[in-house]
Amino acid sequence: MTADSPRTIVLLRHAKADWPSVPDHERPLADRGRHDSPAVGRRFLDDGISLDLALCSTAERTRETWKLAAHELPQRPRTVYEERLYEASLGELLALVNETPDDVGSLLLVGHNPGMHALAEALTGSAEGDTLTRMTRIGFPTAAFAVLTFTGSWKTVEHGVGRLTGFWTPHKG
């Protein structure tokens, strides 16, 4: 894969979490989250999304979301649990994307809001159909994901370089 190859980035917000008396980082998925997470993986399959690398926040709810979604895939991509995804700002998320090796053609970030929504909006320079309108109207609810494509090196990812080609949420909004 060259630095000018087409690339895909998928931004997945963790599924619905529970609110037990534990630190925020240790919050598990709620029943709805455990139901929605496998649907994410099945939707990846339905949409033909294949992944080379998954960067997943170390929070319990993101790890559970990814484990249940990945179980639906025929082949799990290399997964790195990345502490910097937890409570990451837009700038920190962009820095993580820019660090991605150029042999990666498709990258998944499993993280939190407001970061996932902010990154999706920041990267979107154009959109297919009503995807941007839907994402703007609905927001970025739990278990939602956005798919963006661009051409070039990961090091060149900046505001407005992507084309929003897909936006999905397990519940109608």
N, C-alpha and C. Protein backbone atom coordinates (compact mmCIF):
# COMPACT_ATOMS: atom_id res chain seq x y z
N MET A 1 0.85 -1.17 0.00
CA MET A 1 0.00 0.00 0.00
C MET A 1 0.90 1.24 0.00
N THR A 2 0.60 2.18 -0.88
CA THR A 2 1.41 3.39 -0.97
C THR A 2 0.79 4.51 -0.14
N ALA A 3 1.54 5.57 0.03
CA ALA A 3 1.06 6.72 0.80
C ALA A 3 -0.14 7.39 0.12
N ASP A 4 -0.32 7.18 -1.20
CA ASP A 4 -1.42 7.80 -1.93
C ASP A 4 -2.61 6.86 -2.13
N SER A 5 -2.62 5.73 -1.44
CA SER A 5 -3.71 4.76 -1.58
C SER A 5 -4.99 5.27 -0.92
N PRO A 6 -6.14 4.78 -1.40
CA PRO A 6 -7.41 5.11 -0.74
C PRO A 6 -7.43 4.51 0.66
N ARG A 7 -8.01 5.21 1.60
CA ARG A 7 -8.07 4.76 3.00
C ARG A 7 -9.49 4.93 3.53
N THR A 8 -9.78 4.13 4.55
CA THR A 8 -11.07 4.21 5.22
C THR A 8 -10.83 4.33 6.72
N ILE A 9 -11.59 5.21 7.34
CA ILE A 9 -11.58 5.31 8.79
C ILE A 9 -13.02 5.14 9.28
N VAL A 10 -13.20 4.27 10.28
CA VAL A 10 -14.50 4.02 10.87
C VAL A 10 -14.42 4.50 12.32
N LEU A 11 -15.37 5.34 12.69
CA LEU A 11 -15.42 5.90 14.04
C LEU A 11 -16.63 5.32 14.75
N LEU A 12 -16.39 4.53 15.78
CA LEU A 12 -17.45 3.83 16.51
C LEU A 12 -17.52 4.33 17.94
N ARG A 13 -18.68 4.81 18.32
CA ARG A 13 -18.90 5.16 19.73
C ARG A 13 -19.32 3.89 20.45
N HIS A 14 -18.83 3.72 21.67
CA HIS A 14 -19.19 2.53 22.45
C HIS A 14 -20.71 2.42 22.59
N ALA A 15 -21.16 1.22 22.86
CA ALA A 15 -22.59 0.96 23.05
C ALA A 15 -23.03 1.47 24.43
N LYS A 16 -24.33 1.42 24.67
CA LYS A 16 -24.93 1.97 25.91
C LYS A 16 -24.31 1.33 27.15
N ALA A 17 -23.85 2.19 28.03
CA ALA A 17 -23.20 1.73 29.27
C ALA A 17 -24.15 1.82 30.45
N ASP A 18 -23.85 1.02 31.44
CA ASP A 18 -24.58 1.02 32.71
C ASP A 18 -23.98 2.10 33.61
N TRP A 19 -24.65 2.41 34.70
CA TRP A 19 -24.18 3.43 35.65
C TRP A 19 -24.04 2.86 37.06
N PRO A 20 -23.30 1.74 37.24
CA PRO A 20 -23.13 1.23 38.61
C PRO A 20 -22.17 2.14 39.38
N SER A 21 -22.01 1.86 40.66
CA SER A 21 -21.12 2.66 41.52
C SER A 21 -19.68 2.21 41.35
N VAL A 22 -19.13 2.51 40.17
CA VAL A 22 -17.73 2.20 39.86
C VAL A 22 -17.13 3.44 39.18
N PRO A 23 -15.82 3.55 39.15
CA PRO A 23 -15.22 4.67 38.42
C PRO A 23 -15.65 4.64 36.95
N ASP A 24 -15.72 5.82 36.32
CA ASP A 24 -16.19 5.94 34.94
C ASP A 24 -15.47 4.98 33.99
N HIS A 25 -14.17 4.85 34.13
CA HIS A 25 -13.37 3.99 33.25
C HIS A 25 -13.81 2.53 33.32
N GLU A 26 -14.38 2.13 34.44
CA GLU A 26 -14.76 0.72 34.67
C GLU A 26 -16.23 0.43 34.40
N ARG A 27 -16.98 1.41 33.89
CA ARG A 27 -18.41 1.18 33.64
C ARG A 27 -18.62 0.12 32.57
N PRO A 28 -19.44 -0.91 32.86
CA PRO A 28 -19.72 -1.96 31.86
C PRO A 28 -20.87 -1.55 30.96
N LEU A 29 -21.13 -2.38 29.97
CA LEU A 29 -22.28 -2.16 29.10
C LEU A 29 -23.57 -2.49 29.83
N ALA A 30 -24.60 -1.77 29.48
CA ALA A 30 -25.96 -2.08 29.93
C ALA A 30 -26.50 -3.21 29.04
N ASP A 31 -27.65 -3.74 29.40
CA ASP A 31 -28.26 -4.80 28.59
C ASP A 31 -28.42 -4.35 27.13
N ARG A 32 -28.90 -3.12 26.93
CA ARG A 32 -29.06 -2.61 25.57
C ARG A 32 -27.72 -2.56 24.83
N GLY A 33 -26.67 -2.20 25.52
CA GLY A 33 -25.34 -2.16 24.91
C GLY A 33 -24.86 -3.54 24.50
N ARG A 34 -25.16 -4.54 25.33
CA ARG A 34 -24.77 -5.91 24.99
C ARG A 34 -25.60 -6.44 23.82
N HIS A 35 -26.78 -5.90 23.63
CA HIS A 35 -27.61 -6.27 22.48
C HIS A 35 -27.16 -5.55 21.21
N ASP A 36 -26.83 -4.27 21.32
CA ASP A 36 -26.48 -3.46 20.15
C ASP A 36 -25.09 -3.77 19.59
N SER A 37 -24.16 -4.16 20.44
CA SER A 37 -22.77 -4.36 19.99
C SER A 37 -22.63 -5.42 18.89
N PRO A 38 -23.23 -6.59 19.01
CA PRO A 38 -23.14 -7.56 17.92
C PRO A 38 -23.77 -7.03 16.62
N ALA A 39 -24.81 -6.19 16.75
CA ALA A 39 -25.44 -5.61 15.57
C ALA A 39 -24.45 -4.72 14.81
N VAL A 40 -23.54 -4.08 15.53
CA VAL A 40 -22.50 -3.28 14.87
C VAL A 40 -21.66 -4.18 13.97
N GLY A 41 -21.19 -5.29 14.52
CA GLY A 41 -20.37 -6.22 13.74
C GLY A 41 -21.11 -6.75 12.53
N ARG A 42 -22.39 -7.09 12.70
CA ARG A 42 -23.18 -7.58 11.57
C ARG A 42 -23.36 -6.49 10.51
N ARG A 43 -23.50 -5.25 10.95
CA ARG A 43 -23.64 -4.15 9.99
C ARG A 43 -22.34 -3.92 9.23
N PHE A 44 -21.19 -4.07 9.93
CA PHE A 44 -19.90 -4.00 9.23
C PHE A 44 -19.89 -5.01 8.07
N LEU A 45 -20.34 -6.23 8.37
CA LEU A 45 -20.39 -7.27 7.33
C LEU A 45 -21.33 -6.87 6.20
N ASP A 46 -22.54 -6.44 6.55
CA ASP A 46 -23.54 -6.07 5.55
C ASP A 46 -23.03 -4.95 4.64
N ASP A 47 -22.27 -4.02 5.22
CA ASP A 47 -21.78 -2.88 4.46
C ASP A 47 -20.43 -3.16 3.78
N GLY A 48 -19.90 -4.38 3.96
CA GLY A 48 -18.63 -4.73 3.33
C GLY A 48 -17.43 -4.03 3.93
N ILE A 49 -17.54 -3.66 5.20
CA ILE A 49 -16.44 -2.97 5.88
C ILE A 49 -15.44 -4.00 6.38
N SER A 50 -14.23 -3.93 5.87
CA SER A 50 -13.15 -4.78 6.39
C SER A 50 -12.15 -3.85 7.04
N LEU A 51 -11.52 -4.34 8.08
CA LEU A 51 -10.64 -3.50 8.90
C LEU A 51 -9.26 -4.12 9.00
N ASP A 52 -8.25 -3.27 8.90
CA ASP A 52 -6.87 -3.72 9.08
C ASP A 52 -6.40 -3.55 10.51
N LEU A 53 -6.85 -2.48 11.16
CA LEU A 53 -6.39 -2.15 12.51
C LEU A 53 -7.53 -1.53 13.29
N ALA A 54 -7.71 -1.97 14.54
CA ALA A 54 -8.68 -1.36 15.44
C ALA A 54 -7.92 -0.77 16.63
N LEU A 55 -8.16 0.50 16.88
CA LEU A 55 -7.66 1.15 18.09
C LEU A 55 -8.86 1.33 19.00
N CYS A 56 -8.77 0.76 20.19
CA CYS A 56 -9.91 0.74 21.11
C CYS A 56 -9.51 1.37 22.43
N SER A 57 -10.34 2.25 22.94
CA SER A 57 -10.12 2.82 24.26
C SER A 57 -10.01 1.70 25.29
N THR A 58 -9.30 1.97 26.36
CA THR A 58 -9.13 0.97 27.41
C THR A 58 -10.30 0.91 28.38
N ALA A 59 -11.28 1.78 28.25
CA ALA A 59 -12.44 1.76 29.14
C ALA A 59 -13.20 0.44 28.94
N GLU A 60 -13.78 -0.03 30.02
CA GLU A 60 -14.51 -1.31 30.00
C GLU A 60 -15.60 -1.32 28.93
N ARG A 61 -16.38 -0.26 28.83
CA ARG A 61 -17.52 -0.25 27.88
C ARG A 61 -17.06 -0.28 26.43
N THR A 62 -15.91 0.31 26.12
CA THR A 62 -15.42 0.25 24.74
C THR A 62 -14.85 -1.12 24.44
N ARG A 63 -14.15 -1.70 25.40
CA ARG A 63 -13.59 -3.04 25.18
C ARG A 63 -14.71 -4.06 25.00
N GLU A 64 -15.77 -3.97 25.81
CA GLU A 64 -16.91 -4.88 25.66
C GLU A 64 -17.60 -4.69 24.31
N THR A 65 -17.80 -3.43 23.92
CA THR A 65 -18.43 -3.13 22.63
C THR A 65 -17.66 -3.79 21.51
N TRP A 66 -16.34 -3.57 21.50
CA TRP A 66 -15.51 -4.10 20.42
C TRP A 66 -15.47 -5.63 20.45
N LYS A 67 -15.37 -6.22 21.62
CA LYS A 67 -15.33 -7.69 21.71
C LYS A 67 -16.60 -8.30 21.12
N LEU A 68 -17.75 -7.74 21.46
CA LEU A 68 -19.02 -8.29 20.97
C LEU A 68 -19.21 -8.02 19.47
N ALA A 69 -18.78 -6.85 19.00
CA ALA A 69 -18.89 -6.54 17.57
C ALA A 69 -17.93 -7.41 16.76
N ALA A 70 -16.69 -7.53 17.23
CA ALA A 70 -15.66 -8.29 16.51
C ALA A 70 -16.01 -9.77 16.41
N HIS A 71 -16.75 -10.27 17.39
CA HIS A 71 -17.15 -11.68 17.39
C HIS A 71 -18.00 -12.01 16.15
N GLU A 72 -18.65 -11.01 15.58
CA GLU A 72 -19.50 -11.22 14.39
C GLU A 72 -18.72 -11.20 13.09
N LEU A 73 -17.45 -10.80 13.14
CA LEU A 73 -16.65 -10.68 11.92
C LEU A 73 -15.96 -11.99 11.58
N PRO A 74 -15.78 -12.28 10.30
CA PRO A 74 -15.10 -13.52 9.92
C PRO A 74 -13.63 -13.53 10.34
N GLN A 75 -13.04 -12.35 10.40
CA GLN A 75 -11.64 -12.24 10.83
C GLN A 75 -11.48 -10.95 11.63
N ARG A 76 -10.99 -11.09 12.84
CA ARG A 76 -10.79 -9.93 13.70
C ARG A 76 -9.50 -9.22 13.28
N PRO A 77 -9.56 -7.90 13.09
CA PRO A 77 -8.33 -7.18 12.74
C PRO A 77 -7.41 -7.07 13.96
N ARG A 78 -6.17 -6.73 13.69
CA ARG A 78 -5.24 -6.47 14.78
C ARG A 78 -5.86 -5.39 15.65
N THR A 79 -5.85 -5.59 16.95
CA THR A 79 -6.47 -4.65 17.88
C THR A 79 -5.43 -4.15 18.87
N VAL A 80 -5.42 -2.85 19.05
CA VAL A 80 -4.55 -2.21 20.03
C VAL A 80 -5.45 -1.46 21.00
N TYR A 81 -5.29 -1.74 22.29
CA TYR A 81 -6.05 -1.02 23.32
C TYR A 81 -5.22 0.20 23.68
N GLU A 82 -5.79 1.37 23.38
CA GLU A 82 -5.07 2.63 23.43
C GLU A 82 -5.63 3.53 24.53
N GLU A 83 -4.83 3.75 25.57
CA GLU A 83 -5.25 4.60 26.69
C GLU A 83 -5.59 6.01 26.26
N ARG A 84 -4.91 6.51 25.23
CA ARG A 84 -5.13 7.90 24.81
C ARG A 84 -6.51 8.14 24.19
N LEU A 85 -7.23 7.08 23.84
CA LEU A 85 -8.58 7.25 23.30
C LEU A 85 -9.60 7.61 24.39
N TYR A 86 -9.30 7.28 25.63
CA TYR A 86 -10.22 7.57 26.73
C TYR A 86 -10.17 9.07 27.02
N GLU A 87 -11.32 9.73 26.92
CA GLU A 87 -11.45 11.17 27.16
C GLU A 87 -10.59 12.00 26.21
N ALA A 88 -10.34 11.50 25.01
CA ALA A 88 -9.49 12.20 24.04
C ALA A 88 -10.19 13.42 23.46
N SER A 89 -9.42 14.48 23.30
CA SER A 89 -9.91 15.68 22.61
C SER A 89 -9.82 15.45 21.11
N LEU A 90 -10.39 16.38 20.36
CA LEU A 90 -10.31 16.30 18.90
C LEU A 90 -8.85 16.29 18.45
N GLY A 91 -8.04 17.15 19.01
CA GLY A 91 -6.63 17.20 18.65
C GLY A 91 -5.90 15.91 18.96
N GLU A 92 -6.21 15.30 20.09
CA GLU A 92 -5.58 14.02 20.46
C GLU A 92 -6.01 12.91 19.51
N LEU A 93 -7.27 12.92 19.11
CA LEU A 93 -7.76 11.91 18.16
C LEU A 93 -7.08 12.06 16.81
N LEU A 94 -6.97 13.29 16.34
CA LEU A 94 -6.27 13.52 15.07
C LEU A 94 -4.82 13.06 15.15
N ALA A 95 -4.17 13.30 16.27
CA ALA A 95 -2.78 12.86 16.45
C ALA A 95 -2.68 11.34 16.37
N LEU A 96 -3.63 10.62 16.98
CA LEU A 96 -3.63 9.16 16.91
C LEU A 96 -3.79 8.69 15.47
N VAL A 97 -4.71 9.30 14.74
CA VAL A 97 -4.91 8.92 13.34
C VAL A 97 -3.63 9.18 12.55
N ASN A 98 -3.01 10.32 12.78
CA ASN A 98 -1.78 10.68 12.05
C ASN A 98 -0.63 9.72 12.33
N GLU A 99 -0.66 9.01 13.44
CA GLU A 99 0.39 8.04 13.80
C GLU A 99 0.20 6.68 13.13
N THR A 100 -0.93 6.47 12.46
CA THR A 100 -1.23 5.18 11.86
C THR A 100 -0.22 4.87 10.75
N PRO A 101 0.35 3.66 10.75
CA PRO A 101 1.31 3.29 9.69
C PRO A 101 0.63 3.26 8.33
N ASP A 102 1.36 3.60 7.29
CA ASP A 102 0.79 3.67 5.95
C ASP A 102 0.47 2.31 5.34
N ASP A 103 0.88 1.21 5.98
CA ASP A 103 0.47 -0.10 5.46
C ASP A 103 -0.95 -0.46 5.90
N VAL A 104 -1.58 0.38 6.71
CA VAL A 104 -2.96 0.20 7.15
C VAL A 104 -3.88 0.90 6.17
N GLY A 105 -4.79 0.15 5.58
CA GLY A 105 -5.73 0.73 4.62
C GLY A 105 -7.03 1.14 5.27
N SER A 106 -7.42 0.43 6.34
CA SER A 106 -8.68 0.75 7.01
C SER A 106 -8.48 0.70 8.52
N LEU A 107 -8.89 1.76 9.16
CA LEU A 107 -8.68 1.96 10.59
C LEU A 107 -10.01 2.13 11.30
N LEU A 108 -10.17 1.46 12.42
CA LEU A 108 -11.33 1.63 13.29
C LEU A 108 -10.88 2.27 14.59
N LEU A 109 -11.59 3.32 15.02
CA LEU A 109 -11.40 3.88 16.35
C LEU A 109 -12.66 3.57 17.14
N VAL A 110 -12.50 2.93 18.30
CA VAL A 110 -13.63 2.66 19.20
C VAL A 110 -13.43 3.55 20.41
N GLY A 111 -14.31 4.55 20.53
CA GLY A 111 -14.10 5.53 21.57
C GLY A 111 -15.38 6.09 22.14
N HIS A 112 -15.29 7.35 22.53
CA HIS A 112 -16.32 8.00 23.34
C HIS A 112 -16.76 9.31 22.69
N ASN A 113 -17.90 9.79 23.12
CA ASN A 113 -18.31 11.14 22.77
C ASN A 113 -17.89 12.08 23.88
N PRO A 114 -17.61 13.31 23.56
CA PRO A 114 -17.92 13.99 22.32
C PRO A 114 -16.86 13.79 21.22
N GLY A 115 -15.80 13.08 21.50
CA GLY A 115 -14.68 12.94 20.57
C GLY A 115 -15.04 12.30 19.24
N MET A 116 -15.78 11.18 19.25
CA MET A 116 -16.09 10.49 17.99
C MET A 116 -16.91 11.40 17.07
N HIS A 117 -17.91 12.07 17.63
CA HIS A 117 -18.74 12.96 16.83
C HIS A 117 -17.92 14.14 16.32
N ALA A 118 -17.11 14.73 17.18
CA ALA A 118 -16.28 15.87 16.78
C ALA A 118 -15.32 15.48 15.66
N LEU A 119 -14.71 14.30 15.77
CA LEU A 119 -13.78 13.87 14.73
C LEU A 119 -14.50 13.61 13.42
N ALA A 120 -15.67 12.97 13.47
CA ALA A 120 -16.43 12.72 12.24
C ALA A 120 -16.78 14.03 11.56
N GLU A 121 -17.26 15.00 12.30
CA GLU A 121 -17.61 16.29 11.71
C GLU A 121 -16.38 17.01 11.18
N ALA A 122 -15.29 16.96 11.93
CA ALA A 122 -14.07 17.66 11.52
C ALA A 122 -13.49 17.09 10.22
N LEU A 123 -13.50 15.78 10.09
CA LEU A 123 -12.90 15.15 8.92
C LEU A 123 -13.76 15.26 7.67
N THR A 124 -15.07 15.44 7.84
CA THR A 124 -15.99 15.45 6.72
C THR A 124 -15.83 16.72 5.89
N GLY A 125 -15.39 16.53 4.65
CA GLY A 125 -15.32 17.62 3.69
C GLY A 125 -16.46 17.52 2.69
N SER A 126 -16.94 16.29 2.47
CA SER A 126 -18.07 16.04 1.59
C SER A 126 -18.78 14.79 2.11
N ALA A 127 -19.97 14.55 1.60
CA ALA A 127 -20.74 13.41 2.09
C ALA A 127 -21.59 12.83 0.97
N GLU A 128 -21.87 11.55 1.08
CA GLU A 128 -22.77 10.87 0.15
C GLU A 128 -24.20 10.99 0.65
N GLY A 129 -25.09 11.32 -0.26
CA GLY A 129 -26.51 11.36 0.08
C GLY A 129 -26.81 12.24 1.27
N ASP A 130 -27.63 11.70 2.17
CA ASP A 130 -28.04 12.47 3.35
C ASP A 130 -27.26 12.09 4.60
N THR A 131 -26.10 11.45 4.44
CA THR A 131 -25.37 10.97 5.62
C THR A 131 -25.00 12.09 6.58
N LEU A 132 -24.52 13.20 6.08
CA LEU A 132 -24.13 14.30 6.96
C LEU A 132 -25.34 14.92 7.63
N THR A 133 -26.42 15.08 6.88
CA THR A 133 -27.65 15.61 7.46
C THR A 133 -28.15 14.71 8.58
N ARG A 134 -28.15 13.40 8.34
CA ARG A 134 -28.60 12.45 9.36
C ARG A 134 -27.71 12.52 10.60
N MET A 135 -26.39 12.53 10.39
CA MET A 135 -25.48 12.56 11.54
C MET A 135 -25.65 13.86 12.33
N THR A 136 -25.85 14.95 11.64
CA THR A 136 -26.04 16.24 12.31
C THR A 136 -27.35 16.24 13.09
N ARG A 137 -28.39 15.69 12.48
CA ARG A 137 -29.71 15.68 13.13
C ARG A 137 -29.74 14.73 14.32
N ILE A 138 -29.21 13.54 14.14
CA ILE A 138 -29.27 12.50 15.17
C ILE A 138 -28.21 12.70 16.24
N GLY A 139 -27.08 13.27 15.88
CA GLY A 139 -25.94 13.32 16.79
C GLY A 139 -25.13 12.05 16.60
N PHE A 140 -24.52 11.59 17.64
CA PHE A 140 -23.69 10.38 17.56
C PHE A 140 -24.05 9.50 18.75
N PRO A 141 -25.22 8.83 18.69
CA PRO A 141 -25.67 8.04 19.83
C PRO A 141 -24.79 6.82 20.08
N THR A 142 -25.03 6.17 21.19
CA THR A 142 -24.26 4.98 21.52
C THR A 142 -24.42 3.93 20.42
N ALA A 143 -23.32 3.23 20.14
CA ALA A 143 -23.22 2.17 19.13
C ALA A 143 -23.34 2.69 17.70
N ALA A 144 -23.30 4.00 17.51
CA ALA A 144 -23.32 4.57 16.16
C ALA A 144 -21.91 4.52 15.59
N PHE A 145 -21.83 4.46 14.26
CA PHE A 145 -20.53 4.58 13.62
C PHE A 145 -20.63 5.38 12.34
N ALA A 146 -19.53 6.07 12.03
CA ALA A 146 -19.40 6.83 10.79
C ALA A 146 -18.26 6.23 9.99
N VAL A 147 -18.40 6.22 8.67
CA VAL A 147 -17.38 5.71 7.76
C VAL A 147 -16.95 6.86 6.86
N LEU A 148 -15.65 7.11 6.86
CA LEU A 148 -15.09 8.16 6.02
C LEU A 148 -13.98 7.60 5.16
N THR A 149 -13.86 8.12 3.95
CA THR A 149 -12.79 7.69 3.05
C THR A 149 -11.98 8.93 2.66
N PHE A 150 -10.73 8.69 2.32
CA PHE A 150 -9.85 9.74 1.83
C PHE A 150 -8.70 9.07 1.10
N THR A 151 -7.93 9.85 0.37
CA THR A 151 -6.75 9.35 -0.33
C THR A 151 -5.54 10.07 0.22
N GLY A 152 -4.50 9.30 0.50
CA GLY A 152 -3.27 9.89 1.00
C GLY A 152 -2.76 9.16 2.22
N SER A 153 -1.73 9.69 2.78
CA SER A 153 -1.11 9.12 3.96
C SER A 153 -1.93 9.48 5.21
N TRP A 154 -1.87 8.63 6.21
CA TRP A 154 -2.51 8.93 7.49
C TRP A 154 -1.92 10.21 8.09
N LYS A 155 -0.68 10.48 7.79
CA LYS A 155 -0.02 11.68 8.32
C LYS A 155 -0.64 12.96 7.78
N THR A 156 -1.37 12.86 6.66
CA THR A 156 -1.97 14.05 6.06
C THR A 156 -3.42 14.26 6.46
N VAL A 157 -3.96 13.41 7.32
CA VAL A 157 -5.36 13.55 7.72
C VAL A 157 -5.50 14.83 8.55
N GLU A 158 -6.43 15.65 8.09
CA GLU A 158 -6.71 16.91 8.77
C GLU A 158 -8.17 17.27 8.50
N HIS A 159 -8.61 18.38 9.03
CA HIS A 159 -10.00 18.83 8.87
C HIS A 159 -10.37 18.86 7.39
N GLY A 160 -11.55 18.27 7.09
CA GLY A 160 -12.13 18.37 5.76
C GLY A 160 -11.58 17.45 4.68
N VAL A 161 -10.68 16.52 5.02
CA VAL A 161 -10.10 15.67 3.97
C VAL A 161 -10.97 14.48 3.61
N GLY A 162 -11.94 14.14 4.45
CA GLY A 162 -12.70 12.91 4.24
C GLY A 162 -14.03 13.09 3.54
N ARG A 163 -14.47 11.99 2.99
CA ARG A 163 -15.82 11.90 2.42
C ARG A 163 -16.62 10.97 3.32
N LEU A 164 -17.69 11.48 3.92
CA LEU A 164 -18.55 10.68 4.78
C LEU A 164 -19.39 9.78 3.89
N THR A 165 -19.07 8.48 3.90
CA THR A 165 -19.77 7.53 3.02
C THR A 165 -20.82 6.71 3.74
N GLY A 166 -20.81 6.75 5.05
CA GLY A 166 -21.80 5.98 5.80
C GLY A 166 -21.95 6.48 7.22
N PHE A 167 -23.16 6.37 7.72
CA PHE A 167 -23.45 6.67 9.12
C PHE A 167 -24.57 5.72 9.54
N TRP A 168 -24.36 5.03 10.65
CA TRP A 168 -25.33 4.03 11.08
C TRP A 168 -25.51 4.09 12.59
N THR A 169 -26.72 3.87 13.01
CA THR A 169 -27.03 3.74 14.43
C THR A 169 -28.04 2.61 14.58
N PRO A 170 -27.96 1.84 15.67
CA PRO A 170 -28.86 0.68 15.80
C PRO A 170 -30.31 1.06 16.07
N HIS A 171 -30.54 2.32 16.44
CA HIS A 171 -31.91 2.76 16.75
C HIS A 171 -32.26 3.94 15.87
N LYS A 172 -33.49 3.96 15.40
CA LYS A 172 -33.93 5.06 14.53
C LYS A 172 -33.89 6.36 15.32
N GLY A 173 -33.51 7.41 14.61
CA GLY A 173 -33.44 8.72 15.25
C GLY A 173 -34.10 9.77 14.45
